[in-house]
Amino acid sequence: MPNLADQSIMTAINGRFRLCSAGQIKPGEMLGVELPGLPKLVVYRVADEFYCSADLCTHGAASLSDEGDLNGYVVECTWHEGKFDIRDGKPCSLPCTVPLRTFPVTLDCGELFIDVE
């Protein structure tokens, strides 16, 4: 059986990317993830649900994983207090008007994956 590094390489070819293990993120927290060929991503955990979006705020290009605050299903960019719903990326407050790109997350054997088309 291939190790996780090998699996990441194989699945990337098919458009499936391993993000991290579910145990790396505690409920109510988020984690920045960098994958080859993709912009930096952020993975969120709300209870036992996982979500993923582009890491940069669409208003001020701040890193949400480094400087954002997660409160339930809403991530706030602390640069200008703009907020996004992590479930669909839609802005929840001004000054943000452009949605975050989101990716559906799959949990498989304790590992989190996204499919990128």
PDB file of N, CA and C in Angstrom:
ATOM      1  N   MET A   1       0.855  -1.196   0.000  1.00  0.00           N
ATOM      2  CA  MET A   1       0.000   0.000   0.000  1.00  0.00           C
ATOM      3  C   MET A   1       0.888   1.242   0.000  1.00  0.00           C
ATOM      4  N   PRO A   2       0.579   2.251  -0.843  1.00  0.00           N
ATOM      5  CA  PRO A   2       1.407   3.450  -0.902  1.00  0.00           C
ATOM      6  C   PRO A   2       1.264   4.288   0.363  1.00  0.00           C
ATOM      7  N   ASN A   3       2.334   5.018   0.700  1.00  0.00           N
ATOM      8  CA  ASN A   3       2.236   5.922   1.839  1.00  0.00           C
ATOM      9  C   ASN A   3       1.458   7.168   1.414  1.00  0.00           C
ATOM     10  N   LEU A   4       1.178   8.066   2.378  1.00  0.00           N
ATOM     11  CA  LEU A   4       0.341   9.237   2.071  1.00  0.00           C
ATOM     12  C   LEU A   4       0.991  10.156   1.055  1.00  0.00           C
ATOM     13  N   ALA A   5       2.313  10.273   1.098  1.00  0.00           N
ATOM     14  CA  ALA A   5       2.977  11.129   0.106  1.00  0.00           C
ATOM     15  C   ALA A   5       2.748  10.579  -1.294  1.00  0.00           C
ATOM     16  N   ASP A   6       2.893   9.258  -1.462  1.00  0.00           N
ATOM     17  CA  ASP A   6       2.636   8.639  -2.761  1.00  0.00           C
ATOM     18  C   ASP A   6       1.180   8.810  -3.155  1.00  0.00           C
ATOM     19  N   GLN A   7       0.285   8.653  -2.193  1.00  0.00           N
ATOM     20  CA  GLN A   7      -1.140   8.784  -2.473  1.00  0.00           C
ATOM     21  C   GLN A   7      -1.453  10.202  -2.933  1.00  0.00           C
ATOM     22  N   SER A   8      -0.823  11.222  -2.305  1.00  0.00           N
ATOM     23  CA  SER A   8      -1.063  12.604  -2.702  1.00  0.00           C
ATOM     24  C   SER A   8      -0.653  12.829  -4.144  1.00  0.00           C
ATOM     25  N   ILE A   9       0.471  12.263  -4.539  1.00  0.00           N
ATOM     26  CA  ILE A   9       0.936  12.415  -5.915  1.00  0.00           C
ATOM     27  C   ILE A   9      -0.038  11.740  -6.873  1.00  0.00           C
ATOM     28  N   MET A  10      -0.437  10.509  -6.561  1.00  0.00           N
ATOM     29  CA  MET A  10      -1.352   9.782  -7.446  1.00  0.00           C
ATOM     30  C   MET A  10      -2.696  10.481  -7.554  1.00  0.00           C
ATOM     31  N   THR A  11      -3.242  10.937  -6.442  1.00  0.00           N
ATOM     32  CA  THR A  11      -4.561  11.545  -6.482  1.00  0.00           C
ATOM     33  C   THR A  11      -4.527  12.925  -7.121  1.00  0.00           C
ATOM     34  N   ALA A  12      -3.394  13.616  -7.035  1.00  0.00           N
ATOM     35  CA  ALA A  12      -3.299  14.926  -7.682  1.00  0.00           C
ATOM     36  C   ALA A  12      -3.437  14.783  -9.190  1.00  0.00           C
ATOM     37  N   ILE A  13      -2.945  13.704  -9.735  1.00  0.00           N
ATOM     38  CA  ILE A  13      -3.053  13.464 -11.170  1.00  0.00           C
ATOM     39  C   ILE A  13      -4.518  13.353 -11.580  1.00  0.00           C
ATOM     40  N   ASN A  14      -5.330  12.775 -10.729  1.00  0.00           N
ATOM     41  CA  ASN A  14      -6.748  12.595 -11.023  1.00  0.00           C
ATOM     42  C   ASN A  14      -7.604  13.776 -10.558  1.00  0.00           C
ATOM     43  N   GLY A  15      -6.977  14.860 -10.123  1.00  0.00           N
ATOM     44  CA  GLY A  15      -7.719  16.024  -9.656  1.00  0.00           C
ATOM     45  C   GLY A  15      -8.130  15.943  -8.204  1.00  0.00           C
ATOM     46  N   ARG A  16      -7.683  14.924  -7.482  1.00  0.00           N
ATOM     47  CA  ARG A  16      -8.004  14.771  -6.072  1.00  0.00           C
ATOM     48  C   ARG A  16      -6.743  15.054  -5.266  1.00  0.00           C
ATOM     49  N   PHE A  17      -6.853  15.991  -4.336  1.00  0.00           N
ATOM     50  CA  PHE A  17      -5.714  16.416  -3.544  1.00  0.00           C
ATOM     51  C   PHE A  17      -5.960  16.138  -2.066  1.00  0.00           C
ATOM     52  N   ARG A  18      -4.968  15.567  -1.405  1.00  0.00           N
ATOM     53  CA  ARG A  18      -5.025  15.370   0.043  1.00  0.00           C
ATOM     54  C   ARG A  18      -4.689  16.695   0.712  1.00  0.00           C
ATOM     55  N   LEU A  19      -5.550  17.127   1.642  1.00  0.00           N
ATOM     56  CA  LEU A  19      -5.319  18.359   2.372  1.00  0.00           C
ATOM     57  C   LEU A  19      -4.504  18.116   3.633  1.00  0.00           C
ATOM     58  N   CYS A  20      -5.008  17.213   4.489  1.00  0.00           N
ATOM     59  CA  CYS A  20      -4.404  16.938   5.785  1.00  0.00           C
ATOM     60  C   CYS A  20      -5.213  15.827   6.436  1.00  0.00           C
ATOM     61  N   SER A  21      -4.816  15.429   7.623  1.00  0.00           N
ATOM     62  CA  SER A  21      -5.647  14.465   8.352  1.00  0.00           C
ATOM     63  C   SER A  21      -6.678  15.250   9.164  1.00  0.00           C
ATOM     64  N   ALA A  22      -7.813  14.646   9.390  1.00  0.00           N
ATOM     65  CA  ALA A  22      -8.889  15.309  10.138  1.00  0.00           C
ATOM     66  C   ALA A  22      -8.426  15.659  11.548  1.00  0.00           C
ATOM     67  N   GLY A  23      -7.566  14.826  12.118  1.00  0.00           N
ATOM     68  CA  GLY A  23      -7.086  15.054  13.477  1.00  0.00           C
ATOM     69  C   GLY A  23      -6.170  16.254  13.628  1.00  0.00           C
ATOM     70  N   GLN A  24      -5.689  16.817  12.533  1.00  0.00           N
ATOM     71  CA  GLN A  24      -4.819  17.993  12.600  1.00  0.00           C
ATOM     72  C   GLN A  24      -5.580  19.264  12.923  1.00  0.00           C
ATOM     73  N   ILE A  25      -6.904  19.234  12.785  1.00  0.00           N
ATOM     74  CA  ILE A  25      -7.703  20.442  13.006  1.00  0.00           C
ATOM     75  C   ILE A  25      -8.715  20.165  14.108  1.00  0.00           C
ATOM     76  N   LYS A  26      -8.660  20.950  15.167  1.00  0.00           N
ATOM     77  CA  LYS A  26      -9.622  20.819  16.260  1.00  0.00           C
ATOM     78  C   LYS A  26     -10.912  21.549  15.879  1.00  0.00           C
ATOM     79  N   PRO A  27     -12.054  21.123  16.434  1.00  0.00           N
ATOM     80  CA  PRO A  27     -13.309  21.834  16.162  1.00  0.00           C
ATOM     81  C   PRO A  27     -13.176  23.333  16.476  1.00  0.00           C
ATOM     82  N   GLY A  28     -13.704  24.149  15.572  1.00  0.00           N
ATOM     83  CA  GLY A  28     -13.645  25.594  15.741  1.00  0.00           C
ATOM     84  C   GLY A  28     -12.343  26.219  15.278  1.00  0.00           C
ATOM     85  N   GLU A  29     -11.483  25.417  14.654  1.00  0.00           N
ATOM     86  CA  GLU A  29     -10.199  25.940  14.188  1.00  0.00           C
ATOM     87  C   GLU A  29     -10.075  25.821  12.673  1.00  0.00           C
ATOM     88  N   MET A  30      -9.012  26.414  12.140  1.00  0.00           N
ATOM     89  CA  MET A  30      -8.734  26.351  10.708  1.00  0.00           C
ATOM     90  C   MET A  30      -7.244  26.145  10.516  1.00  0.00           C
ATOM     91  N   LEU A  31      -6.898  25.674   9.315  1.00  0.00           N
ATOM     92  CA  LEU A  31      -5.513  25.338   9.011  1.00  0.00           C
ATOM     93  C   LEU A  31      -5.193  25.760   7.583  1.00  0.00           C
ATOM     94  N   GLY A  32      -4.116  26.499   7.400  1.00  0.00           N
ATOM     95  CA  GLY A  32      -3.653  26.851   6.063  1.00  0.00           C
ATOM     96  C   GLY A  32      -2.931  25.661   5.450  1.00  0.00           C
ATOM     97  N   VAL A  33      -3.197  25.415   4.162  1.00  0.00           N
ATOM     98  CA  VAL A  33      -2.597  24.281   3.454  1.00  0.00           C
ATOM     99  C   VAL A  33      -2.071  24.773   2.110  1.00  0.00           C
ATOM    100  N   GLU A  34      -0.831  24.379   1.794  1.00  0.00           N
ATOM    101  CA  GLU A  34      -0.256  24.714   0.499  1.00  0.00           C
ATOM    102  C   GLU A  34      -0.034  23.431  -0.287  1.00  0.00           C
ATOM    103  N   LEU A  35      -0.604  23.390  -1.483  1.00  0.00           N
ATOM    104  CA  LEU A  35      -0.487  22.238  -2.372  1.00  0.00           C
ATOM    105  C   LEU A  35       0.139  22.683  -3.679  1.00  0.00           C
ATOM    106  N   PRO A  36       0.959  21.839  -4.289  1.00  0.00           N
ATOM    107  CA  PRO A  36       1.588  22.213  -5.561  1.00  0.00           C
ATOM    108  C   PRO A  36       0.542  22.530  -6.633  1.00  0.00           C
ATOM    109  N   GLY A  37       0.756  23.647  -7.322  1.00  0.00           N
ATOM    110  CA  GLY A  37      -0.109  24.010  -8.437  1.00  0.00           C
ATOM    111  C   GLY A  37      -1.408  24.689  -8.057  1.00  0.00           C
ATOM    112  N   LEU A  38      -1.645  24.906  -6.761  1.00  0.00           N
ATOM    113  CA  LEU A  38      -2.872  25.571  -6.307  1.00  0.00           C
ATOM    114  C   LEU A  38      -2.517  26.755  -5.429  1.00  0.00           C
ATOM    115  N   PRO A  39      -3.400  27.770  -5.379  1.00  0.00           N
ATOM    116  CA  PRO A  39      -3.160  28.851  -4.420  1.00  0.00           C
ATOM    117  C   PRO A  39      -3.302  28.299  -3.004  1.00  0.00           C
ATOM    118  N   LYS A  40      -2.772  29.020  -2.025  1.00  0.00           N
ATOM    119  CA  LYS A  40      -2.894  28.579  -0.635  1.00  0.00           C
ATOM    120  C   LYS A  40      -4.377  28.431  -0.284  1.00  0.00           C
ATOM    121  N   LEU A  41      -4.690  27.372   0.455  1.00  0.00           N
ATOM    122  CA  LEU A  41      -6.048  27.064   0.865  1.00  0.00           C
ATOM    123  C   LEU A  41      -6.156  27.132   2.381  1.00  0.00           C
ATOM    124  N   VAL A  42      -7.376  27.207   2.855  1.00  0.00           N
ATOM    125  CA  VAL A  42      -7.633  27.113   4.290  1.00  0.00           C
ATOM    126  C   VAL A  42      -8.723  26.067   4.498  1.00  0.00           C
ATOM    127  N   VAL A  43      -8.486  25.188   5.480  1.00  0.00           N
ATOM    128  CA  VAL A  43      -9.434  24.138   5.838  1.00  0.00           C
ATOM    129  C   VAL A  43     -10.032  24.519   7.181  1.00  0.00           C
ATOM    130  N   TYR A  44     -11.355  24.472   7.270  1.00  0.00           N
ATOM    131  CA  TYR A  44     -12.077  24.846   8.480  1.00  0.00           C
ATOM    132  C   TYR A  44     -12.739  23.608   9.075  1.00  0.00           C
ATOM    133  N   ARG A  45     -12.844  23.591  10.402  1.00  0.00           N
ATOM    134  CA  ARG A  45     -13.597  22.511  11.057  1.00  0.00           C
ATOM    135  C   ARG A  45     -14.626  23.139  11.985  1.00  0.00           C
ATOM    136  N   VAL A  46     -15.895  22.792  11.752  1.00  0.00           N
ATOM    137  CA  VAL A  46     -16.991  23.212  12.617  1.00  0.00           C
ATOM    138  C   VAL A  46     -17.621  21.917  13.124  1.00  0.00           C
ATOM    139  N   ALA A  47     -17.463  21.630  14.419  1.00  0.00           N
ATOM    140  CA  ALA A  47     -17.854  20.342  15.008  1.00  0.00           C
ATOM    141  C   ALA A  47     -17.148  19.240  14.215  1.00  0.00           C
ATOM    142  N   ASP A  48     -17.880  18.370  13.558  1.00  0.00           N
ATOM    143  CA  ASP A  48     -17.264  17.321  12.745  1.00  0.00           C
ATOM    144  C   ASP A  48     -17.501  17.535  11.258  1.00  0.00           C
ATOM    145  N   GLU A  49     -17.692  18.789  10.864  1.00  0.00           N
ATOM    146  CA  GLU A  49     -17.848  19.154   9.458  1.00  0.00           C
ATOM    147  C   GLU A  49     -16.587  19.884   9.003  1.00  0.00           C
ATOM    148  N   PHE A  50     -16.194  19.631   7.750  1.00  0.00           N
ATOM    149  CA  PHE A  50     -14.989  20.234   7.211  1.00  0.00           C
ATOM    150  C   PHE A  50     -15.322  21.009   5.935  1.00  0.00           C
ATOM    151  N   TYR A  51     -14.677  22.167   5.785  1.00  0.00           N
ATOM    152  CA  TYR A  51     -14.881  23.035   4.637  1.00  0.00           C
ATOM    153  C   TYR A  51     -13.517  23.527   4.167  1.00  0.00           C
ATOM    154  N   CYS A  52     -13.451  23.945   2.914  1.00  0.00           N
ATOM    155  CA  CYS A  52     -12.187  24.432   2.364  1.00  0.00           C
ATOM    156  C   CYS A  52     -12.471  25.588   1.420  1.00  0.00           C
ATOM    157  N   SER A  53     -11.600  26.606   1.485  1.00  0.00           N
ATOM    158  CA  SER A  53     -11.710  27.746   0.568  1.00  0.00           C
ATOM    159  C   SER A  53     -10.312  28.253   0.228  1.00  0.00           C
ATOM    160  N   ALA A  54     -10.275  29.159  -0.751  1.00  0.00           N
ATOM    161  CA  ALA A  54      -9.044  29.902  -0.999  1.00  0.00           C
ATOM    162  C   ALA A  54      -8.703  30.650   0.278  1.00  0.00           C
ATOM    163  N   ASP A  55      -7.421  30.812   0.539  1.00  0.00           N
ATOM    164  CA  ASP A  55      -6.983  31.415   1.799  1.00  0.00           C
ATOM    165  C   ASP A  55      -7.051  32.933   1.795  1.00  0.00           C
ATOM    166  N   LEU A  56      -6.918  33.567   0.636  1.00  0.00           N
ATOM    167  CA  LEU A  56      -6.858  35.026   0.610  1.00  0.00           C
ATOM    168  C   LEU A  56      -8.240  35.661   0.586  1.00  0.00           C
ATOM    169  N   CYS A  57      -8.413  36.647   1.433  1.00  0.00           N
ATOM    170  CA  CYS A  57      -9.634  37.446   1.429  1.00  0.00           C
ATOM    171  C   CYS A  57      -9.761  38.111   0.064  1.00  0.00           C
ATOM    172  N   THR A  58     -10.937  38.130  -0.499  1.00  0.00           N
ATOM    173  CA  THR A  58     -11.146  38.721  -1.823  1.00  0.00           C
ATOM    174  C   THR A  58     -11.173  40.247  -1.792  1.00  0.00           C
ATOM    175  N   HIS A  59     -11.205  40.827  -0.610  1.00  0.00           N
ATOM    176  CA  HIS A  59     -11.221  42.282  -0.505  1.00  0.00           C
ATOM    177  C   HIS A  59      -9.820  42.861  -0.344  1.00  0.00           C
ATOM    178  N   GLY A  60      -9.045  42.313   0.589  1.00  0.00           N
ATOM    179  CA  GLY A  60      -7.760  42.934   0.890  1.00  0.00           C
ATOM    180  C   GLY A  60      -6.563  42.020   0.777  1.00  0.00           C
ATOM    181  N   ALA A  61      -6.748  40.809   0.261  1.00  0.00           N
ATOM    182  CA  ALA A  61      -5.661  39.845   0.075  1.00  0.00           C
ATOM    183  C   ALA A  61      -4.957  39.474   1.372  1.00  0.00           C
ATOM    184  N   ALA A  62      -5.670  39.475   2.479  1.00  0.00           N
ATOM    185  CA  ALA A  62      -5.125  39.010   3.756  1.00  0.00           C
ATOM    186  C   ALA A  62      -5.296  37.500   3.843  1.00  0.00           C
ATOM    187  N   SER A  63      -4.372  36.831   4.510  1.00  0.00           N
ATOM    188  CA  SER A  63      -4.473  35.392   4.714  1.00  0.00           C
ATOM    189  C   SER A  63      -5.500  35.100   5.806  1.00  0.00           C
ATOM    190  N   LEU A  64      -6.559  34.394   5.436  1.00  0.00           N
ATOM    191  CA  LEU A  64      -7.588  34.060   6.426  1.00  0.00           C
ATOM    192  C   LEU A  64      -7.062  33.066   7.457  1.00  0.00           C
ATOM    193  N   SER A  65      -6.199  32.134   7.037  1.00  0.00           N
ATOM    194  CA  SER A  65      -5.685  31.145   7.986  1.00  0.00           C
ATOM    195  C   SER A  65      -4.711  31.777   8.983  1.00  0.00           C
ATOM    196  N   ASP A  66      -3.994  32.814   8.563  1.00  0.00           N
ATOM    197  CA  ASP A  66      -3.031  33.465   9.453  1.00  0.00           C
ATOM    198  C   ASP A  66      -3.659  34.576  10.284  1.00  0.00           C
ATOM    199  N   GLU A  67      -4.616  35.301   9.700  1.00  0.00           N
ATOM    200  CA  GLU A  67      -5.115  36.502  10.355  1.00  0.00           C
ATOM    201  C   GLU A  67      -6.629  36.540  10.532  1.00  0.00           C
ATOM    202  N   GLY A  68      -7.323  35.478  10.131  1.00  0.00           N
ATOM    203  CA  GLY A  68      -8.775  35.469  10.243  1.00  0.00           C
ATOM    204  C   GLY A  68      -9.259  34.877  11.549  1.00  0.00           C
ATOM    205  N   ASP A  69     -10.525  35.089  11.832  1.00  0.00           N
ATOM    206  CA  ASP A  69     -11.187  34.526  13.009  1.00  0.00           C
ATOM    207  C   ASP A  69     -12.378  33.710  12.542  1.00  0.00           C
ATOM    208  N   LEU A  70     -12.481  32.475  13.046  1.00  0.00           N
ATOM    209  CA  LEU A  70     -13.595  31.599  12.700  1.00  0.00           C
ATOM    210  C   LEU A  70     -14.594  31.601  13.838  1.00  0.00           C
ATOM    211  N   ASN A  71     -15.853  31.893  13.504  1.00  0.00           N
ATOM    212  CA  ASN A  71     -16.931  31.882  14.483  1.00  0.00           C
ATOM    213  C   ASN A  71     -18.098  31.131  13.862  1.00  0.00           C
ATOM    214  N   GLY A  72     -18.250  29.861  14.231  1.00  0.00           N
ATOM    215  CA  GLY A  72     -19.274  29.029  13.605  1.00  0.00           C
ATOM    216  C   GLY A  72     -18.941  28.845  12.140  1.00  0.00           C
ATOM    217  N   TYR A  73     -19.906  29.142  11.263  1.00  0.00           N
ATOM    218  CA  TYR A  73     -19.715  28.990   9.820  1.00  0.00           C
ATOM    219  C   TYR A  73     -19.228  30.273   9.147  1.00  0.00           C
ATOM    220  N   VAL A  74     -18.782  31.237   9.935  1.00  0.00           N
ATOM    221  CA  VAL A  74     -18.357  32.517   9.390  1.00  0.00           C
ATOM    222  C   VAL A  74     -16.887  32.760   9.728  1.00  0.00           C
ATOM    223  N   VAL A  75     -16.109  33.097   8.686  1.00  0.00           N
ATOM    224  CA  VAL A  75     -14.725  33.510   8.894  1.00  0.00           C
ATOM    225  C   VAL A  75     -14.656  35.014   8.672  1.00  0.00           C
ATOM    226  N   GLU A  76     -13.981  35.699   9.585  1.00  0.00           N
ATOM    227  CA  GLU A  76     -13.833  37.145   9.493  1.00  0.00           C
ATOM    228  C   GLU A  76     -12.394  37.487   9.150  1.00  0.00           C
ATOM    229  N   CYS A  77     -12.231  38.328   8.168  1.00  0.00           N
ATOM    230  CA  CYS A  77     -10.921  38.863   7.827  1.00  0.00           C
ATOM    231  C   CYS A  77     -10.670  40.041   8.764  1.00  0.00           C
ATOM    232  N   THR A  78      -9.620  39.955   9.529  1.00  0.00           N
ATOM    233  CA  THR A  78      -9.385  40.993  10.542  1.00  0.00           C
ATOM    234  C   THR A  78      -8.822  42.288   9.969  1.00  0.00           C
ATOM    235  N   TRP A  79      -8.452  42.311   8.682  1.00  0.00           N
ATOM    236  CA  TRP A  79      -7.955  43.560   8.093  1.00  0.00           C
ATOM    237  C   TRP A  79      -9.039  44.622   8.046  1.00  0.00           C
ATOM    238  N   HIS A  80     -10.254  44.257   7.571  1.00  0.00           N
ATOM    239  CA  HIS A  80     -11.325  45.245   7.419  1.00  0.00           C
ATOM    240  C   HIS A  80     -12.669  44.739   7.945  1.00  0.00           C
ATOM    241  N   GLU A  81     -12.643  43.657   8.732  1.00  0.00           N
ATOM    242  CA  GLU A  81     -13.840  43.064   9.343  1.00  0.00           C
ATOM    243  C   GLU A  81     -14.846  42.504   8.341  1.00  0.00           C
ATOM    244  N   GLY A  82     -14.398  42.191   7.137  1.00  0.00           N
ATOM    245  CA  GLY A  82     -15.265  41.522   6.174  1.00  0.00           C
ATOM    246  C   GLY A  82     -15.470  40.069   6.585  1.00  0.00           C
ATOM    247  N   LYS A  83     -16.628  39.524   6.261  1.00  0.00           N
ATOM    248  CA  LYS A  83     -16.959  38.157   6.684  1.00  0.00           C
ATOM    249  C   LYS A  83     -17.473  37.338   5.510  1.00  0.00           C
ATOM    250  N   PHE A  84     -17.194  36.015   5.581  1.00  0.00           N
ATOM    251  CA  PHE A  84     -17.628  35.064   4.567  1.00  0.00           C
ATOM    252  C   PHE A  84     -18.249  33.843   5.230  1.00  0.00           C
ATOM    253  N   ASP A  85     -19.253  33.268   4.577  1.00  0.00           N
ATOM    254  CA  ASP A  85     -19.816  31.986   4.990  1.00  0.00           C
ATOM    255  C   ASP A  85     -18.909  30.908   4.411  1.00  0.00           C
ATOM    256  N   ILE A  86     -18.312  30.080   5.261  1.00  0.00           N
ATOM    257  CA  ILE A  86     -17.359  29.075   4.783  1.00  0.00           C
ATOM    258  C   ILE A  86     -18.028  27.939   4.020  1.00  0.00           C
ATOM    259  N   ARG A  87     -19.344  27.802   4.148  1.00  0.00           N
ATOM    260  CA  ARG A  87     -20.045  26.718   3.446  1.00  0.00           C
ATOM    261  C   ARG A  87     -20.142  26.963   1.951  1.00  0.00           C
ATOM    262  N   ASP A  88     -20.266  28.231   1.552  1.00  0.00           N
ATOM    263  CA  ASP A  88     -20.409  28.525   0.120  1.00  0.00           C
ATOM    264  C   ASP A  88     -19.519  29.677  -0.348  1.00  0.00           C
ATOM    265  N   GLY A  89     -18.777  30.291   0.567  1.00  0.00           N
ATOM    266  CA  GLY A  89     -17.869  31.374   0.223  1.00  0.00           C
ATOM    267  C   GLY A  89     -18.505  32.730   0.058  1.00  0.00           C
ATOM    268  N   LYS A  90     -19.818  32.834   0.206  1.00  0.00           N
ATOM    269  CA  LYS A  90     -20.496  34.109  -0.026  1.00  0.00           C
ATOM    270  C   LYS A  90     -20.155  35.125   1.060  1.00  0.00           C
ATOM    271  N   PRO A  91     -19.974  36.387   0.656  1.00  0.00           N
ATOM    272  CA  PRO A  91     -19.707  37.443   1.631  1.00  0.00           C
ATOM    273  C   PRO A  91     -20.914  37.650   2.549  1.00  0.00           C
ATOM    274  N   CYS A  92     -20.629  37.894   3.822  1.00  0.00           N
ATOM    275  CA  CYS A  92     -21.698  38.125   4.809  1.00  0.00           C
ATOM    276  C   CYS A  92     -21.751  39.573   5.260  1.00  0.00           C
ATOM    277  N   SER A  93     -20.690  40.324   4.960  1.00  0.00           N
ATOM    278  CA  SER A  93     -20.688  41.733   5.363  1.00  0.00           C
ATOM    279  C   SER A  93     -19.707  42.520   4.497  1.00  0.00           C
ATOM    280  N   LEU A  94     -19.978  43.791   4.398  1.00  0.00           N
ATOM    281  CA  LEU A  94     -19.081  44.692   3.683  1.00  0.00           C
ATOM    282  C   LEU A  94     -17.808  44.857   4.516  1.00  0.00           C
ATOM    283  N   PRO A  95     -16.711  45.132   3.887  1.00  0.00           N
ATOM    284  CA  PRO A  95     -16.540  45.579   2.517  1.00  0.00           C
ATOM    285  C   PRO A  95     -16.420  44.438   1.503  1.00  0.00           C
ATOM    286  N   CYS A  96     -16.519  43.200   1.940  1.00  0.00           N
ATOM    287  CA  CYS A  96     -16.366  42.068   1.016  1.00  0.00           C
ATOM    288  C   CYS A  96     -17.604  41.918   0.144  1.00  0.00           C
ATOM    289  N   THR A  97     -17.390  41.830  -1.180  1.00  0.00           N
ATOM    290  CA  THR A  97     -18.491  41.658  -2.125  1.00  0.00           C
ATOM    291  C   THR A  97     -18.253  40.487  -3.074  1.00  0.00           C
ATOM    292  N   VAL A  98     -17.012  40.032  -3.191  1.00  0.00           N
ATOM    293  CA  VAL A  98     -16.658  38.931  -4.080  1.00  0.00           C
ATOM    294  C   VAL A  98     -16.525  37.668  -3.237  1.00  0.00           C
ATOM    295  N   PRO A  99     -17.214  36.579  -3.610  1.00  0.00           N
ATOM    296  CA  PRO A  99     -17.149  35.351  -2.818  1.00  0.00           C
ATOM    297  C   PRO A  99     -15.764  34.699  -2.856  1.00  0.00           C
ATOM    298  N   LEU A 100     -15.483  33.929  -1.817  1.00  0.00           N
ATOM    299  CA  LEU A 100     -14.294  33.075  -1.787  1.00  0.00           C
ATOM    300  C   LEU A 100     -14.548  31.861  -2.666  1.00  0.00           C
ATOM    301  N   ARG A 101     -13.520  31.350  -3.317  1.00  0.00           N
ATOM    302  CA  ARG A 101     -13.655  30.076  -4.030  1.00  0.00           C
ATOM    303  C   ARG A 101     -13.651  28.974  -2.981  1.00  0.00           C
ATOM    304  N   THR A 102     -14.632  28.097  -3.055  1.00  0.00           N
ATOM    305  CA  THR A 102     -14.720  26.986  -2.111  1.00  0.00           C
ATOM    306  C   THR A 102     -14.550  25.658  -2.836  1.00  0.00           C
ATOM    307  N   PHE A 103     -14.214  24.636  -2.068  1.00  0.00           N
ATOM    308  CA  PHE A 103     -13.999  23.296  -2.598  1.00  0.00           C
ATOM    309  C   PHE A 103     -14.709  22.301  -1.684  1.00  0.00           C
ATOM    310  N   PRO A 104     -15.483  21.363  -2.248  1.00  0.00           N
ATOM    311  CA  PRO A 104     -16.095  20.331  -1.406  1.00  0.00           C
ATOM    312  C   PRO A 104     -15.003  19.448  -0.798  1.00  0.00           C
ATOM    313  N   VAL A 105     -15.154  19.127   0.473  1.00  0.00           N
ATOM    314  CA  VAL A 105     -14.190  18.302   1.194  1.00  0.00           C
ATOM    315  C   VAL A 105     -14.758  16.905   1.366  1.00  0.00           C
ATOM    316  N   THR A 106     -13.913  15.915   1.117  1.00  0.00           N
ATOM    317  CA  THR A 106     -14.268  14.512   1.320  1.00  0.00           C
ATOM    318  C   THR A 106     -13.412  13.954   2.444  1.00  0.00           C
ATOM    319  N   LEU A 107     -14.047  13.268   3.377  1.00  0.00           N
ATOM    320  CA  LEU A 107     -13.340  12.582   4.458  1.00  0.00           C
ATOM    321  C   LEU A 107     -13.243  11.112   4.095  1.00  0.00           C
ATOM    322  N   ASP A 108     -12.018  10.590   4.022  1.00  0.00           N
ATOM    323  CA  ASP A 108     -11.787   9.204   3.627  1.00  0.00           C
ATOM    324  C   ASP A 108     -10.710   8.617   4.540  1.00  0.00           C
ATOM    325  N   CYS A 109     -11.101   7.661   5.382  1.00  0.00           N
ATOM    326  CA  CYS A 109     -10.159   6.989   6.297  1.00  0.00           C
ATOM    327  C   CYS A 109      -9.391   7.994   7.159  1.00  0.00           C
ATOM    328  N   GLY A 110     -10.075   9.020   7.641  1.00  0.00           N
ATOM    329  CA  GLY A 110      -9.458  10.009   8.516  1.00  0.00           C
ATOM    330  C   GLY A 110      -8.657  11.084   7.801  1.00  0.00           C
ATOM    331  N   GLU A 111      -8.636  11.056   6.476  1.00  0.00           N
ATOM    332  CA  GLU A 111      -7.900  12.037   5.680  1.00  0.00           C
ATOM    333  C   GLU A 111      -8.883  12.923   4.923  1.00  0.00           C
ATOM    334  N   LEU A 112      -8.527  14.197   4.755  1.00  0.00           N
ATOM    335  CA  LEU A 112      -9.373  15.150   4.048  1.00  0.00           C
ATOM    336  C   LEU A 112      -8.841  15.384   2.650  1.00  0.00           C
ATOM    337  N   PHE A 113      -9.748  15.375   1.675  1.00  0.00           N
ATOM    338  CA  PHE A 113      -9.398  15.547   0.260  1.00  0.00           C
ATOM    339  C   PHE A 113     -10.318  16.577  -0.366  1.00  0.00           C
ATOM    340  N   ILE A 114      -9.823  17.228  -1.427  1.00  0.00           N
ATOM    341  CA  ILE A 114     -10.672  18.040  -2.289  1.00  0.00           C
ATOM    342  C   ILE A 114     -10.477  17.568  -3.713  1.00  0.00           C
ATOM    343  N   ASP A 115     -11.510  17.763  -4.519  1.00  0.00           N
ATOM    344  CA  ASP A 115     -11.418  17.505  -5.958  1.00  0.00           C
ATOM    345  C   ASP A 115     -11.355  18.854  -6.650  1.00  0.00           C
ATOM    346  N   VAL A 116     -10.379  18.995  -7.549  1.00  0.00           N
ATOM    347  CA  VAL A 116     -10.212  20.251  -8.272  1.00  0.00           C
ATOM    348  C   VAL A 116     -10.369  19.949  -9.748  1.00  0.00           C
ATOM    349  N   GLU A 117     -11.300  20.625 -10.386  1.00  0.00           N
ATOM    350  CA  GLU A 117     -11.540  20.421 -11.813  1.00  0.00           C
ATOM    351  C   GLU A 117     -10.731  21.397 -12.632  1.00  0.00           C
TER     352      GLU A 117
END
